[in-house]
Amino acid sequence: MTITRLPSVHDCSATGCSYNHDAGCHAGAITIGGDHAQCGTFVQISFRAGLERTGVVGACHRTDCSHNDHLECAASAVQVGGRAGDPADCLTYAPA
């Protein structure tokens, strides 16, 4: 997979994240991992950051996800948002 083909973060409802602007992710690339498929790039600080483009999924450490292909996300796009008390989980995560 090339960098230009990485899946985009189609929607992000983690409004407390500094990379979130108008329900869109503006991080260069996010990493998904942890025990709840969390967005490892989520950061809650007092200012907005990021790029003038939509973020992509750079790496996925959840090898048990059906979209995971050699630690890369093979979904066409992902959604990030709150679930089970976590502020920023990959809502596209699907157990294999």
PDB file of N, CA and C in Angstrom:
ATOM      1  N   MET A   1       0.850  -1.175   0.000  1.00  0.00           N
ATOM      2  CA  MET A   1       0.000   0.000   0.000  1.00  0.00           C
ATOM      3  C   MET A   1       0.895   1.237   0.000  1.00  0.00           C
ATOM      4  N   THR A   2       0.570   2.214  -0.792  1.00  0.00           N
ATOM      5  CA  THR A   2       1.343   3.451  -0.831  1.00  0.00           C
ATOM      6  C   THR A   2       0.680   4.500   0.042  1.00  0.00           C
ATOM      7  N   ILE A   3       1.413   5.519   0.392  1.00  0.00           N
ATOM      8  CA  ILE A   3       0.894   6.588   1.245  1.00  0.00           C
ATOM      9  C   ILE A   3      -0.321   7.266   0.628  1.00  0.00           C
ATOM     10  N   THR A   4      -0.389   7.336  -0.680  1.00  0.00           N
ATOM     11  CA  THR A   4      -1.532   7.982  -1.329  1.00  0.00           C
ATOM     12  C   THR A   4      -2.780   7.120  -1.294  1.00  0.00           C
ATOM     13  N   ARG A   5      -2.644   5.837  -0.925  1.00  0.00           N
ATOM     14  CA  ARG A   5      -3.796   4.946  -0.884  1.00  0.00           C
ATOM     15  C   ARG A   5      -4.246   4.615   0.529  1.00  0.00           C
ATOM     16  N   LEU A   6      -3.656   5.225   1.533  1.00  0.00           N
ATOM     17  CA  LEU A   6      -4.065   4.976   2.908  1.00  0.00           C
ATOM     18  C   LEU A   6      -5.500   5.454   3.106  1.00  0.00           C
ATOM     19  N   PRO A   7      -6.288   4.732   3.922  1.00  0.00           N
ATOM     20  CA  PRO A   7      -7.687   5.126   4.120  1.00  0.00           C
ATOM     21  C   PRO A   7      -7.803   6.445   4.878  1.00  0.00           C
ATOM     22  N   SER A   8      -8.746   7.259   4.470  1.00  0.00           N
ATOM     23  CA  SER A   8      -8.951   8.541   5.133  1.00  0.00           C
ATOM     24  C   SER A   8      -9.816   8.364   6.373  1.00  0.00           C
ATOM     25  N   VAL A   9      -9.700   9.308   7.282  1.00  0.00           N
ATOM     26  CA  VAL A   9     -10.588   9.366   8.439  1.00  0.00           C
ATOM     27  C   VAL A   9     -11.824  10.111   7.954  1.00  0.00           C
ATOM     28  N   HIS A  10     -12.841   9.351   7.574  1.00  0.00           N
ATOM     29  CA  HIS A  10     -14.046   9.901   6.948  1.00  0.00           C
ATOM     30  C   HIS A  10     -14.816  10.817   7.895  1.00  0.00           C
ATOM     31  N   ASP A  11     -14.833  10.476   9.170  1.00  0.00           N
ATOM     32  CA  ASP A  11     -15.602  11.242  10.146  1.00  0.00           C
ATOM     33  C   ASP A  11     -14.937  11.077  11.505  1.00  0.00           C
ATOM     34  N   CYS A  12     -14.847  12.150  12.254  1.00  0.00           N
ATOM     35  CA  CYS A  12     -14.298  12.076  13.601  1.00  0.00           C
ATOM     36  C   CYS A  12     -15.183  12.887  14.537  1.00  0.00           C
ATOM     37  N   SER A  13     -15.803  12.212  15.484  1.00  0.00           N
ATOM     38  CA  SER A  13     -16.663  12.909  16.444  1.00  0.00           C
ATOM     39  C   SER A  13     -15.955  13.155  17.778  1.00  0.00           C
ATOM     40  N   ALA A  14     -14.638  12.968  17.815  1.00  0.00           N
ATOM     41  CA  ALA A  14     -13.853  13.241  19.023  1.00  0.00           C
ATOM     42  C   ALA A  14     -13.559  14.737  19.085  1.00  0.00           C
ATOM     43  N   THR A  15     -14.578  15.516  19.437  1.00  0.00           N
ATOM     44  CA  THR A  15     -14.476  16.974  19.378  1.00  0.00           C
ATOM     45  C   THR A  15     -13.460  17.545  20.359  1.00  0.00           C
ATOM     46  N   GLY A  16     -13.067  16.783  21.373  1.00  0.00           N
ATOM     47  CA  GLY A  16     -12.068  17.257  22.316  1.00  0.00           C
ATOM     48  C   GLY A  16     -10.644  17.134  21.806  1.00  0.00           C
ATOM     49  N   CYS A  17     -10.453  16.507  20.661  1.00  0.00           N
ATOM     50  CA  CYS A  17      -9.115  16.312  20.108  1.00  0.00           C
ATOM     51  C   CYS A  17      -8.635  17.579  19.403  1.00  0.00           C
ATOM     52  N   SER A  18      -7.395  17.924  19.612  1.00  0.00           N
ATOM     53  CA  SER A  18      -6.828  19.123  18.985  1.00  0.00           C
ATOM     54  C   SER A  18      -6.722  19.017  17.473  1.00  0.00           C
ATOM     55  N   TYR A  19      -6.728  17.799  16.933  1.00  0.00           N
ATOM     56  CA  TYR A  19      -6.676  17.610  15.483  1.00  0.00           C
ATOM     57  C   TYR A  19      -8.059  17.648  14.835  1.00  0.00           C
ATOM     58  N   ASN A  20      -9.126  17.726  15.643  1.00  0.00           N
ATOM     59  CA  ASN A  20     -10.487  17.722  15.111  1.00  0.00           C
ATOM     60  C   ASN A  20     -10.927  19.141  14.779  1.00  0.00           C
ATOM     61  N   HIS A  21     -11.338  19.346  13.535  1.00  0.00           N
ATOM     62  CA  HIS A  21     -11.897  20.622  13.088  1.00  0.00           C
ATOM     63  C   HIS A  21     -13.197  20.309  12.358  1.00  0.00           C
ATOM     64  N   ASP A  22     -14.317  20.750  12.887  1.00  0.00           N
ATOM     65  CA  ASP A  22     -15.616  20.563  12.229  1.00  0.00           C
ATOM     66  C   ASP A  22     -15.877  19.097  11.876  1.00  0.00           C
ATOM     67  N   ALA A  23     -15.689  18.200  12.831  1.00  0.00           N
ATOM     68  CA  ALA A  23     -15.914  16.749  12.678  1.00  0.00           C
ATOM     69  C   ALA A  23     -14.979  16.105  11.662  1.00  0.00           C
ATOM     70  N   GLY A  24     -13.853  16.742  11.402  1.00  0.00           N
ATOM     71  CA  GLY A  24     -12.870  16.174  10.489  1.00  0.00           C
ATOM     72  C   GLY A  24     -11.519  16.059  11.163  1.00  0.00           C
ATOM     73  N   CYS A  25     -10.801  14.996  10.845  1.00  0.00           N
ATOM     74  CA  CYS A  25      -9.466  14.783  11.391  1.00  0.00           C
ATOM     75  C   CYS A  25      -8.444  15.497  10.510  1.00  0.00           C
ATOM     76  N   HIS A  26      -7.568  16.264  11.149  1.00  0.00           N
ATOM     77  CA  HIS A  26      -6.546  16.989  10.406  1.00  0.00           C
ATOM     78  C   HIS A  26      -5.133  16.612  10.841  1.00  0.00           C
ATOM     79  N   ALA A  27      -5.000  15.446  11.478  1.00  0.00           N
ATOM     80  CA  ALA A  27      -3.665  14.916  11.770  1.00  0.00           C
ATOM     81  C   ALA A  27      -3.070  14.411  10.458  1.00  0.00           C
ATOM     82  N   GLY A  28      -1.774  14.438  10.335  1.00  0.00           N
ATOM     83  CA  GLY A  28      -1.145  13.908   9.123  1.00  0.00           C
ATOM     84  C   GLY A  28      -1.501  12.452   8.913  1.00  0.00           C
ATOM     85  N   ALA A  29      -1.396  11.668   9.975  1.00  0.00           N
ATOM     86  CA  ALA A  29      -1.764  10.249   9.953  1.00  0.00           C
ATOM     87  C   ALA A  29      -2.033   9.818  11.385  1.00  0.00           C
ATOM     88  N   ILE A  30      -2.998   8.941  11.571  1.00  0.00           N
ATOM     89  CA  ILE A  30      -3.307   8.444  12.902  1.00  0.00           C
ATOM     90  C   ILE A  30      -2.849   6.995  13.042  1.00  0.00           C
ATOM     91  N   THR A  31      -2.686   6.567  14.280  1.00  0.00           N
ATOM     92  CA  THR A  31      -2.368   5.181  14.598  1.00  0.00           C
ATOM     93  C   THR A  31      -3.493   4.626  15.454  1.00  0.00           C
ATOM     94  N   ILE A  32      -3.977   3.448  15.098  1.00  0.00           N
ATOM     95  CA  ILE A  32      -5.013   2.768  15.870  1.00  0.00           C
ATOM     96  C   ILE A  32      -4.357   1.634  16.652  1.00  0.00           C
ATOM     97  N   GLY A  33      -4.702   1.502  17.920  1.00  0.00           N
ATOM     98  CA  GLY A  33      -4.135   0.435  18.740  1.00  0.00           C
ATOM     99  C   GLY A  33      -4.827   0.359  20.081  1.00  0.00           C
ATOM    100  N   GLY A  34      -4.219  -0.331  21.006  1.00  0.00           N
ATOM    101  CA  GLY A  34      -4.773  -0.458  22.347  1.00  0.00           C
ATOM    102  C   GLY A  34      -5.870  -1.498  22.435  1.00  0.00           C
ATOM    103  N   ASP A  35      -6.396  -1.675  23.641  1.00  0.00           N
ATOM    104  CA  ASP A  35      -7.380  -2.725  23.874  1.00  0.00           C
ATOM    105  C   ASP A  35      -8.788  -2.393  23.392  1.00  0.00           C
ATOM    106  N   HIS A  36      -9.052  -1.149  23.013  1.00  0.00           N
ATOM    107  CA  HIS A  36     -10.364  -0.765  22.484  1.00  0.00           C
ATOM    108  C   HIS A  36     -10.261  -0.178  21.081  1.00  0.00           C
ATOM    109  N   ALA A  37      -9.205  -0.469  20.361  1.00  0.00           N
ATOM    110  CA  ALA A  37      -8.962   0.107  19.027  1.00  0.00           C
ATOM    111  C   ALA A  37      -9.009   1.632  19.090  1.00  0.00           C
ATOM    112  N   GLN A  38      -8.272   2.198  20.044  1.00  0.00           N
ATOM    113  CA  GLN A  38      -8.250   3.639  20.240  1.00  0.00           C
ATOM    114  C   GLN A  38      -7.408   4.355  19.188  1.00  0.00           C
ATOM    115  N   CYS A  39      -7.759   5.600  18.965  1.00  0.00           N
ATOM    116  CA  CYS A  39      -6.931   6.467  18.134  1.00  0.00           C
ATOM    117  C   CYS A  39      -5.762   6.912  19.006  1.00  0.00           C
ATOM    118  N   GLY A  40      -4.573   6.414  18.705  1.00  0.00           N
ATOM    119  CA  GLY A  40      -3.382   6.749  19.473  1.00  0.00           C
ATOM    120  C   GLY A  40      -2.887   8.161  19.228  1.00  0.00           C
ATOM    121  N   THR A  41      -3.464   8.851  18.265  1.00  0.00           N
ATOM    122  CA  THR A  41      -3.057  10.208  17.927  1.00  0.00           C
ATOM    123  C   THR A  41      -3.909  11.240  18.657  1.00  0.00           C
ATOM    124  N   PHE A  42      -5.003  10.806  19.288  1.00  0.00           N
ATOM    125  CA  PHE A  42      -5.886  11.699  20.046  1.00  0.00           C
ATOM    126  C   PHE A  42      -5.079  12.467  21.076  1.00  0.00           C
ATOM    127  N   VAL A  43      -5.209  13.781  21.063  1.00  0.00           N
ATOM    128  CA  VAL A  43      -4.548  14.630  22.050  1.00  0.00           C
ATOM    129  C   VAL A  43      -5.503  15.767  22.409  1.00  0.00           C
ATOM    130  N   GLN A  44      -5.678  15.961  23.702  1.00  0.00           N
ATOM    131  CA  GLN A  44      -6.593  16.993  24.174  1.00  0.00           C
ATOM    132  C   GLN A  44      -5.782  18.103  24.826  1.00  0.00           C
ATOM    133  N   ILE A  45      -5.533  19.155  24.058  1.00  0.00           N
ATOM    134  CA  ILE A  45      -4.844  20.334  24.568  1.00  0.00           C
ATOM    135  C   ILE A  45      -5.631  21.568  24.150  1.00  0.00           C
ATOM    136  N   SER A  46      -5.217  22.731  24.593  1.00  0.00           N
ATOM    137  CA  SER A  46      -6.041  23.934  24.465  1.00  0.00           C
ATOM    138  C   SER A  46      -6.014  24.620  23.101  1.00  0.00           C
ATOM    139  N   PHE A  47      -5.316  24.094  22.121  1.00  0.00           N
ATOM    140  CA  PHE A  47      -5.320  24.741  20.807  1.00  0.00           C
ATOM    141  C   PHE A  47      -5.512  23.712  19.706  1.00  0.00           C
ATOM    142  N   ARG A  48      -5.914  24.186  18.546  1.00  0.00           N
ATOM    143  CA  ARG A  48      -6.138  23.321  17.383  1.00  0.00           C
ATOM    144  C   ARG A  48      -4.836  23.162  16.617  1.00  0.00           C
ATOM    145  N   ALA A  49      -4.639  21.964  16.072  1.00  0.00           N
ATOM    146  CA  ALA A  49      -3.411  21.657  15.350  1.00  0.00           C
ATOM    147  C   ALA A  49      -3.751  20.872  14.097  1.00  0.00           C
ATOM    148  N   GLY A  50      -2.743  20.571  13.318  1.00  0.00           N
ATOM    149  CA  GLY A  50      -2.935  19.705  12.167  1.00  0.00           C
ATOM    150  C   GLY A  50      -2.740  20.388  10.841  1.00  0.00           C
ATOM    151  N   LEU A  51      -3.067  19.639   9.802  1.00  0.00           N
ATOM    152  CA  LEU A  51      -2.867  20.061   8.421  1.00  0.00           C
ATOM    153  C   LEU A  51      -4.169  20.541   7.796  1.00  0.00           C
ATOM    154  N   GLU A  52      -4.072  21.136   6.650  1.00  0.00           N
ATOM    155  CA  GLU A  52      -5.249  21.604   5.913  1.00  0.00           C
ATOM    156  C   GLU A  52      -5.789  20.524   4.987  1.00  0.00           C
ATOM    157  N   ARG A  53      -5.765  19.285   5.441  1.00  0.00           N
ATOM    158  CA  ARG A  53      -6.319  18.172   4.667  1.00  0.00           C
ATOM    159  C   ARG A  53      -6.841  17.132   5.644  1.00  0.00           C
ATOM    160  N   THR A  54      -7.583  16.184   5.145  1.00  0.00           N
ATOM    161  CA  THR A  54      -8.143  15.124   5.976  1.00  0.00           C
ATOM    162  C   THR A  54      -7.069  14.111   6.334  1.00  0.00           C
ATOM    163  N   GLY A  55      -7.051  13.697   7.595  1.00  0.00           N
ATOM    164  CA  GLY A  55      -6.079  12.720   8.057  1.00  0.00           C
ATOM    165  C   GLY A  55      -6.323  11.336   7.479  1.00  0.00           C
ATOM    166  N   VAL A  56      -5.307  10.504   7.549  1.00  0.00           N
ATOM    167  CA  VAL A  56      -5.377   9.123   7.061  1.00  0.00           C
ATOM    168  C   VAL A  56      -4.957   8.183   8.193  1.00  0.00           C
ATOM    169  N   VAL A  57      -5.211   6.888   8.012  1.00  0.00           N
ATOM    170  CA  VAL A  57      -4.769   5.886   8.978  1.00  0.00           C
ATOM    171  C   VAL A  57      -3.381   5.426   8.558  1.00  0.00           C
ATOM    172  N   GLY A  58      -2.376   5.795   9.330  1.00  0.00           N
ATOM    173  CA  GLY A  58      -1.008   5.432   9.000  1.00  0.00           C
ATOM    174  C   GLY A  58      -0.641   4.030   9.428  1.00  0.00           C
ATOM    175  N   ALA A  59      -1.172   3.577  10.566  1.00  0.00           N
ATOM    176  CA  ALA A  59      -0.866   2.235  11.064  1.00  0.00           C
ATOM    177  C   ALA A  59      -2.012   1.740  11.927  1.00  0.00           C
ATOM    178  N   CYS A  60      -2.196   0.434  11.918  1.00  0.00           N
ATOM    179  CA  CYS A  60      -3.187  -0.203  12.783  1.00  0.00           C
ATOM    180  C   CYS A  60      -2.517  -1.365  13.501  1.00  0.00           C
ATOM    181  N   HIS A  61      -2.466  -1.273  14.812  1.00  0.00           N
ATOM    182  CA  HIS A  61      -1.836  -2.313  15.620  1.00  0.00           C
ATOM    183  C   HIS A  61      -2.810  -3.401  16.037  1.00  0.00           C
ATOM    184  N   ARG A  62      -4.072  -3.294  15.632  1.00  0.00           N
ATOM    185  CA  ARG A  62      -5.086  -4.295  15.989  1.00  0.00           C
ATOM    186  C   ARG A  62      -5.092  -5.407  14.949  1.00  0.00           C
ATOM    187  N   THR A  63      -4.217  -6.384  15.134  1.00  0.00           N
ATOM    188  CA  THR A  63      -4.094  -7.483  14.173  1.00  0.00           C
ATOM    189  C   THR A  63      -5.336  -8.360  14.126  1.00  0.00           C
ATOM    190  N   ASP A  64      -6.217  -8.230  15.115  1.00  0.00           N
ATOM    191  CA  ASP A  64      -7.455  -9.007  15.134  1.00  0.00           C
ATOM    192  C   ASP A  64      -8.598  -8.327  14.373  1.00  0.00           C
ATOM    193  N   CYS A  65      -8.343  -7.194  13.746  1.00  0.00           N
ATOM    194  CA  CYS A  65      -9.376  -6.487  12.975  1.00  0.00           C
ATOM    195  C   CYS A  65      -9.452  -7.061  11.562  1.00  0.00           C
ATOM    196  N   SER A  66     -10.653  -7.203  11.061  1.00  0.00           N
ATOM    197  CA  SER A  66     -10.835  -7.764   9.715  1.00  0.00           C
ATOM    198  C   SER A  66     -10.284  -6.848   8.624  1.00  0.00           C
ATOM    199  N   HIS A  67     -10.066  -5.579   8.931  1.00  0.00           N
ATOM    200  CA  HIS A  67      -9.526  -4.631   7.948  1.00  0.00           C
ATOM    201  C   HIS A  67      -7.996  -4.565   7.977  1.00  0.00           C
ATOM    202  N   ASN A  68      -7.370  -5.234   8.944  1.00  0.00           N
ATOM    203  CA  ASN A  68      -5.927  -5.153   9.111  1.00  0.00           C
ATOM    204  C   ASN A  68      -5.214  -6.051   8.106  1.00  0.00           C
ATOM    205  N   ASP A  69      -4.282  -5.459   7.366  1.00  0.00           N
ATOM    206  CA  ASP A  69      -3.478  -6.194   6.393  1.00  0.00           C
ATOM    207  C   ASP A  69      -2.010  -5.845   6.639  1.00  0.00           C
ATOM    208  N   HIS A  70      -1.323  -6.690   7.384  1.00  0.00           N
ATOM    209  CA  HIS A  70       0.091  -6.464   7.706  1.00  0.00           C
ATOM    210  C   HIS A  70       0.310  -5.124   8.417  1.00  0.00           C
ATOM    211  N   LEU A  71      -0.525  -4.853   9.413  1.00  0.00           N
ATOM    212  CA  LEU A  71      -0.488  -3.645  10.244  1.00  0.00           C
ATOM    213  C   LEU A  71      -0.889  -2.372   9.497  1.00  0.00           C
ATOM    214  N   GLU A  72      -1.492  -2.509   8.349  1.00  0.00           N
ATOM    215  CA  GLU A  72      -2.057  -1.384   7.600  1.00  0.00           C
ATOM    216  C   GLU A  72      -3.568  -1.565   7.547  1.00  0.00           C
ATOM    217  N   CYS A  73      -4.304  -0.477   7.550  1.00  0.00           N
ATOM    218  CA  CYS A  73      -5.764  -0.545   7.466  1.00  0.00           C
ATOM    219  C   CYS A  73      -6.173  -0.655   6.001  1.00  0.00           C
ATOM    220  N   ALA A  74      -6.974  -1.674   5.697  1.00  0.00           N
ATOM    221  CA  ALA A  74      -7.428  -1.894   4.323  1.00  0.00           C
ATOM    222  C   ALA A  74      -8.870  -1.436   4.109  1.00  0.00           C
ATOM    223  N   ALA A  75      -9.485  -0.802   5.108  1.00  0.00           N
ATOM    224  CA  ALA A  75     -10.836  -0.261   4.928  1.00  0.00           C
ATOM    225  C   ALA A  75     -10.766   0.908   3.949  1.00  0.00           C
ATOM    226  N   SER A  76     -11.858   1.189   3.277  1.00  0.00           N
ATOM    227  CA  SER A  76     -11.855   2.314   2.332  1.00  0.00           C
ATOM    228  C   SER A  76     -11.781   3.650   3.061  1.00  0.00           C
ATOM    229  N   ALA A  77     -12.337   3.729   4.258  1.00  0.00           N
ATOM    230  CA  ALA A  77     -12.301   4.918   5.107  1.00  0.00           C
ATOM    231  C   ALA A  77     -12.659   4.466   6.514  1.00  0.00           C
ATOM    232  N   VAL A  78     -12.345   5.266   7.514  1.00  0.00           N
ATOM    233  CA  VAL A  78     -12.674   4.918   8.891  1.00  0.00           C
ATOM    234  C   VAL A  78     -13.428   6.056   9.567  1.00  0.00           C
ATOM    235  N   GLN A  79     -14.131   5.693  10.630  1.00  0.00           N
ATOM    236  CA  GLN A  79     -14.796   6.666  11.488  1.00  0.00           C
ATOM    237  C   GLN A  79     -14.165   6.563  12.866  1.00  0.00           C
ATOM    238  N   VAL A  80     -13.950   7.695  13.501  1.00  0.00           N
ATOM    239  CA  VAL A  80     -13.391   7.748  14.843  1.00  0.00           C
ATOM    240  C   VAL A  80     -14.385   8.476  15.731  1.00  0.00           C
ATOM    241  N   GLY A  81     -14.602   7.949  16.925  1.00  0.00           N
ATOM    242  CA  GLY A  81     -15.528   8.587  17.857  1.00  0.00           C
ATOM    243  C   GLY A  81     -15.529   7.889  19.196  1.00  0.00           C
ATOM    244  N   GLY A  82     -16.328   8.397  20.109  1.00  0.00           N
ATOM    245  CA  GLY A  82     -16.409   7.843  21.444  1.00  0.00           C
ATOM    246  C   GLY A  82     -17.183   6.538  21.492  1.00  0.00           C
ATOM    247  N   ARG A  83     -16.696   5.633  22.356  1.00  0.00           N
ATOM    248  CA  ARG A  83     -17.372   4.354  22.568  1.00  0.00           C
ATOM    249  C   ARG A  83     -16.887   3.785  23.899  1.00  0.00           C
ATOM    250  N   ALA A  84     -17.806   3.276  24.683  1.00  0.00           N
ATOM    251  CA  ALA A  84     -17.488   2.596  25.948  1.00  0.00           C
ATOM    252  C   ALA A  84     -16.589   3.437  26.864  1.00  0.00           C
ATOM    253  N   GLY A  85     -16.860   4.733  26.937  1.00  0.00           N
ATOM    254  CA  GLY A  85     -16.098   5.599  27.816  1.00  0.00           C
ATOM    255  C   GLY A  85     -14.793   6.119  27.257  1.00  0.00           C
ATOM    256  N   ASP A  86     -14.400   5.670  26.077  1.00  0.00           N
ATOM    257  CA  ASP A  86     -13.185   6.176  25.433  1.00  0.00           C
ATOM    258  C   ASP A  86     -13.561   7.334  24.512  1.00  0.00           C
ATOM    259  N   PRO A  87     -12.792   8.415  24.505  1.00  0.00           N
ATOM    260  CA  PRO A  87     -13.154   9.566  23.676  1.00  0.00           C
ATOM    261  C   PRO A  87     -12.891   9.388  22.186  1.00  0.00           C
ATOM    262  N   ALA A  88     -11.989   8.471  21.807  1.00  0.00           N
ATOM    263  CA  ALA A  88     -11.610   8.363  20.390  1.00  0.00           C
ATOM    264  C   ALA A  88     -11.243   6.928  20.030  1.00  0.00           C
ATOM    265  N   ASP A  89     -12.238   6.147  19.643  1.00  0.00           N
ATOM    266  CA  ASP A  89     -12.023   4.770  19.189  1.00  0.00           C
ATOM    267  C   ASP A  89     -12.239   4.687  17.689  1.00  0.00           C
ATOM    268  N   CYS A  90     -11.639   3.693  17.063  1.00  0.00           N
ATOM    269  CA  CYS A  90     -11.913   3.425  15.651  1.00  0.00           C
ATOM    270  C   CYS A  90     -13.263   2.710  15.584  1.00  0.00           C
ATOM    271  N   LEU A  91     -14.279   3.389  15.089  1.00  0.00           N
ATOM    272  CA  LEU A  91     -15.622   2.816  15.007  1.00  0.00           C
ATOM    273  C   LEU A  91     -15.763   1.877  13.817  1.00  0.00           C
ATOM    274  N   THR A  92     -14.750   1.820  12.967  1.00  0.00           N
ATOM    275  CA  THR A  92     -14.744   0.913  11.816  1.00  0.00           C
ATOM    276  C   THR A  92     -14.158  -0.447  12.201  1.00  0.00           C
ATOM    277  N   TYR A  93     -13.504  -0.516  13.353  1.00  0.00           N
ATOM    278  CA  TYR A  93     -12.916  -1.769  13.834  1.00  0.00           C
ATOM    279  C   TYR A  93     -13.959  -2.882  13.808  1.00  0.00           C
ATOM    280  N   ALA A  94     -13.583  -4.018  13.244  1.00  0.00           N
ATOM    281  CA  ALA A  94     -14.460  -5.194  13.187  1.00  0.00           C
ATOM    282  C   ALA A  94     -13.617  -6.434  13.455  1.00  0.00           C
ATOM    283  N   PRO A  95     -13.924  -7.180  14.520  1.00  0.00           N
ATOM    284  CA  PRO A  95     -13.141  -8.386  14.811  1.00  0.00           C
ATOM    285  C   PRO A  95     -13.143  -9.350  13.635  1.00  0.00           C
ATOM    286  N   ALA A  96     -11.987  -9.944  13.376  1.00  0.00           N
ATOM    287  CA  ALA A  96     -11.864 -10.903  12.263  1.00  0.00           C
ATOM    288  C   ALA A  96     -12.536 -12.210  12.619  1.00  0.00           C
TER     289      ALA A  96
END
